[in-house]
């Protein structure tokens, strides 16, 4: 069954719609839209020259495996276009994040923060 989720490039207004406040970070990314609502966001944010891959999604997207796989591919396409290191955090709140990031080629840095372990690619 095809997914009813549409992906498109993210705008600052999309980030504000998703988070409920302005993003505060410069980023390049995409949003997942379902029934007119932004239900997921992902991409690479830029903070003082450090590039950090991110993705977040609401429960409305959690059960749509096709959309989740497509979203991961979109974020990884962005990451693969960047020369040099890109970082990500294997979020402790997402039980499969560590395994998925390892499968996608992310390597541990040995740094663990309040949300989980920091990984690097590139």
C-alpha atoms as a PDB file:
ATOM      1  CA  UNK A   1       0.000   0.000   0.000  1.00  0.00           C
ATOM      2  CA  UNK A   2       1.514   3.365  -0.964  1.00  0.00           C
ATOM      3  CA  UNK A   3       2.274   5.935   1.696  1.00  0.00           C
ATOM      4  CA  UNK A   4       0.169   9.090   1.908  1.00  0.00           C
ATOM      5  CA  UNK A   5       3.162  11.060   3.215  1.00  0.00           C
ATOM      6  CA  UNK A   6       4.663  13.725   0.955  1.00  0.00           C
ATOM      7  CA  UNK A   7       8.274  14.883   1.330  1.00  0.00           C
ATOM      8  CA  UNK A   8       9.398  18.359   0.317  1.00  0.00           C
ATOM      9  CA  UNK A   9      12.252  20.752   1.103  1.00  0.00           C
ATOM     10  CA  UNK A  10      11.866  22.332   4.528  1.00  0.00           C
ATOM     11  CA  UNK A  11      11.378  26.042   5.091  1.00  0.00           C
ATOM     12  CA  UNK A  12      11.851  28.048   8.297  1.00  0.00           C
ATOM     13  CA  UNK A  13       8.039  28.127   8.595  1.00  0.00           C
ATOM     14  CA  UNK A  14       7.963  24.311   8.461  1.00  0.00           C
ATOM     15  CA  UNK A  15      10.491  24.077  11.296  1.00  0.00           C
ATOM     16  CA  UNK A  16       8.395  26.480  13.341  1.00  0.00           C
ATOM     17  CA  UNK A  17       5.250  24.444  12.585  1.00  0.00           C
ATOM     18  CA  UNK A  18       6.976  21.240  13.693  1.00  0.00           C
ATOM     19  CA  UNK A  19       8.725  22.533  16.815  1.00  0.00           C
ATOM     20  CA  UNK A  20       6.182  25.191  17.793  1.00  0.00           C
ATOM     21  CA  UNK A  21       8.895  27.878  17.730  1.00  0.00           C
ATOM     22  CA  UNK A  22      11.489  29.200  15.279  1.00  0.00           C
ATOM     23  CA  UNK A  23      14.320  26.740  14.661  1.00  0.00           C
ATOM     24  CA  UNK A  24      17.188  28.942  15.765  1.00  0.00           C
ATOM     25  CA  UNK A  25      19.587  26.892  13.630  1.00  0.00           C
ATOM     26  CA  UNK A  26      20.570  27.052   9.999  1.00  0.00           C
ATOM     27  CA  UNK A  27      19.756  23.772   8.308  1.00  0.00           C
ATOM     28  CA  UNK A  28      19.170  22.068   4.998  1.00  0.00           C
ATOM     29  CA  UNK A  29      16.461  19.482   5.138  1.00  0.00           C
ATOM     30  CA  UNK A  30      13.109  18.051   4.263  1.00  0.00           C
ATOM     31  CA  UNK A  31       9.763  17.686   5.958  1.00  0.00           C
ATOM     32  CA  UNK A  32       7.255  14.866   5.826  1.00  0.00           C
ATOM     33  CA  UNK A  33       3.697  16.127   5.413  1.00  0.00           C
ATOM     34  CA  UNK A  34       0.601  14.023   6.064  1.00  0.00           C
ATOM     35  CA  UNK A  35      -2.910  15.419   5.735  1.00  0.00           C
ATOM     36  CA  UNK A  36      -1.485  18.958   5.595  1.00  0.00           C
ATOM     37  CA  UNK A  37       0.467  18.577   8.877  1.00  0.00           C
ATOM     38  CA  UNK A  38       4.261  18.505   9.208  1.00  0.00           C
ATOM     39  CA  UNK A  39       4.794  15.122  10.896  1.00  0.00           C
ATOM     40  CA  UNK A  40       8.543  14.738  10.413  1.00  0.00           C
ATOM     41  CA  UNK A  41      11.646  16.798   9.776  1.00  0.00           C
ATOM     42  CA  UNK A  42      15.223  15.859   8.996  1.00  0.00           C
ATOM     43  CA  UNK A  43      18.405  17.083   7.423  1.00  0.00           C
ATOM     44  CA  UNK A  44      21.706  18.623   8.459  1.00  0.00           C
ATOM     45  CA  UNK A  45      21.995  21.633  10.750  1.00  0.00           C
ATOM     46  CA  UNK A  46      25.005  23.928  10.855  1.00  0.00           C
ATOM     47  CA  UNK A  47      26.341  25.281  14.153  1.00  0.00           C
ATOM     48  CA  UNK A  48      29.651  27.178  14.148  1.00  0.00           C
ATOM     49  CA  UNK A  49      31.005  25.016  11.322  1.00  0.00           C
ATOM     50  CA  UNK A  50      29.854  21.732  12.863  1.00  0.00           C
ATOM     51  CA  UNK A  51      27.403  19.748  10.772  1.00  0.00           C
ATOM     52  CA  UNK A  52      24.870  17.636  12.614  1.00  0.00           C
ATOM     53  CA  UNK A  53      22.449  15.238  10.938  1.00  0.00           C
ATOM     54  CA  UNK A  54      19.042  15.061  12.568  1.00  0.00           C
ATOM     55  CA  UNK A  55      15.619  13.540  12.103  1.00  0.00           C
ATOM     56  CA  UNK A  56      12.509  13.636  14.213  1.00  0.00           C
ATOM     57  CA  UNK A  57       8.995  12.452  13.598  1.00  0.00           C
ATOM     58  CA  UNK A  58       5.619  12.345  15.285  1.00  0.00           C
ATOM     59  CA  UNK A  59       3.554   9.255  16.055  1.00  0.00           C
ATOM     60  CA  UNK A  60       1.495   9.875  12.885  1.00  0.00           C
ATOM     61  CA  UNK A  61       4.595   8.843  10.911  1.00  0.00           C
ATOM     62  CA  UNK A  62       5.894   6.088  13.193  1.00  0.00           C
ATOM     63  CA  UNK A  63       3.719   3.317  11.762  1.00  0.00           C
ATOM     64  CA  UNK A  64       4.454   4.200   8.106  1.00  0.00           C
ATOM     65  CA  UNK A  65       7.618   2.166   7.435  1.00  0.00           C
ATOM     66  CA  UNK A  66       7.746   3.133   3.755  1.00  0.00           C
ATOM     67  CA  UNK A  67       7.780   6.815   4.654  1.00  0.00           C
ATOM     68  CA  UNK A  68      10.389   6.286   7.382  1.00  0.00           C
ATOM     69  CA  UNK A  69      12.703   4.465   4.965  1.00  0.00           C
ATOM     70  CA  UNK A  70      12.237   7.188   2.362  1.00  0.00           C
ATOM     71  CA  UNK A  71      12.964   9.861   4.988  1.00  0.00           C
ATOM     72  CA  UNK A  72      16.191   8.123   6.034  1.00  0.00           C
ATOM     73  CA  UNK A  73      17.268   7.937   2.389  1.00  0.00           C
ATOM     74  CA  UNK A  74      16.582  11.650   1.882  1.00  0.00           C
ATOM     75  CA  UNK A  75      18.639  12.640   4.943  1.00  0.00           C
ATOM     76  CA  UNK A  76      21.483  10.323   3.945  1.00  0.00           C
ATOM     77  CA  UNK A  77      21.491  11.828   0.433  1.00  0.00           C
ATOM     78  CA  UNK A  78      22.107  15.226   2.048  1.00  0.00           C
ATOM     79  CA  UNK A  79      24.838  13.802   4.322  1.00  0.00           C
ATOM     80  CA  UNK A  80      26.553  12.091   1.388  1.00  0.00           C
ATOM     81  CA  UNK A  81      26.893  15.404  -0.466  1.00  0.00           C
ATOM     82  CA  UNK A  82      28.929  16.946   2.366  1.00  0.00           C
ATOM     83  CA  UNK A  83      32.712  16.746   2.413  1.00  0.00           C
ATOM     84  CA  UNK A  84      34.176  16.271   5.845  1.00  0.00           C
ATOM     85  CA  UNK A  85      32.686  15.022   9.079  1.00  0.00           C
ATOM     86  CA  UNK A  86      28.999  15.079   9.898  1.00  0.00           C
ATOM     87  CA  UNK A  87      27.845  14.187  13.395  1.00  0.00           C
ATOM     88  CA  UNK A  88      24.666  12.561  14.713  1.00  0.00           C
ATOM     89  CA  UNK A  89      23.378  11.453  18.085  1.00  0.00           C
ATOM     90  CA  UNK A  90      22.027   7.952  18.609  1.00  0.00           C
ATOM     91  CA  UNK A  91      19.032   9.074  20.657  1.00  0.00           C
ATOM     92  CA  UNK A  92      18.456   6.924  23.747  1.00  0.00           C
ATOM     93  CA  UNK A  93      14.707   7.564  23.382  1.00  0.00           C
ATOM     94  CA  UNK A  94      14.699   5.744  20.014  1.00  0.00           C
ATOM     95  CA  UNK A  95      15.648   2.121  20.740  1.00  0.00           C
ATOM     96  CA  UNK A  96      16.677   1.306  17.147  1.00  0.00           C
ATOM     97  CA  UNK A  97      18.706   4.467  16.444  1.00  0.00           C
ATOM     98  CA  UNK A  98      22.127   3.048  17.376  1.00  0.00           C
ATOM     99  CA  UNK A  99      21.678  -0.041  15.203  1.00  0.00           C
ATOM    100  CA  UNK A 100      20.297   1.951  12.263  1.00  0.00           C
ATOM    101  CA  UNK A 101      23.066   4.558  12.350  1.00  0.00           C
ATOM    102  CA  UNK A 102      25.731   1.831  12.532  1.00  0.00           C
ATOM    103  CA  UNK A 103      24.147   0.100   9.518  1.00  0.00           C
ATOM    104  CA  UNK A 104      24.324   3.426   7.636  1.00  0.00           C
ATOM    105  CA  UNK A 105      28.064   3.774   8.308  1.00  0.00           C
ATOM    106  CA  UNK A 106      28.131   6.078  11.338  1.00  0.00           C
ATOM    107  CA  UNK A 107      30.977   5.409  13.802  1.00  0.00           C
ATOM    108  CA  UNK A 108      31.096   6.059  17.561  1.00  0.00           C
ATOM    109  CA  UNK A 109      33.172   9.015  18.753  1.00  0.00           C
ATOM    110  CA  UNK A 110      33.286   7.977  22.402  1.00  0.00           C
ATOM    111  CA  UNK A 111      31.344  11.112  23.391  1.00  0.00           C
ATOM    112  CA  UNK A 112      28.078  10.551  25.226  1.00  0.00           C
ATOM    113  CA  UNK A 113      25.754  13.451  25.943  1.00  0.00           C
ATOM    114  CA  UNK A 114      22.397  13.847  27.648  1.00  0.00           C
ATOM    115  CA  UNK A 115      20.486  12.317  24.707  1.00  0.00           C
ATOM    116  CA  UNK A 116      22.882   9.534  23.733  1.00  0.00           C
ATOM    117  CA  UNK A 117      26.138   8.733  21.988  1.00  0.00           C
ATOM    118  CA  UNK A 118      27.597  11.034  19.344  1.00  0.00           C
ATOM    119  CA  UNK A 119      28.538   9.351  16.073  1.00  0.00           C
ATOM    120  CA  UNK A 120      30.448  10.595  13.030  1.00  0.00           C
ATOM    121  CA  UNK A 121      30.391   9.920   9.312  1.00  0.00           C
ATOM    122  CA  UNK A 122      32.754  11.197   6.666  1.00  0.00           C
END
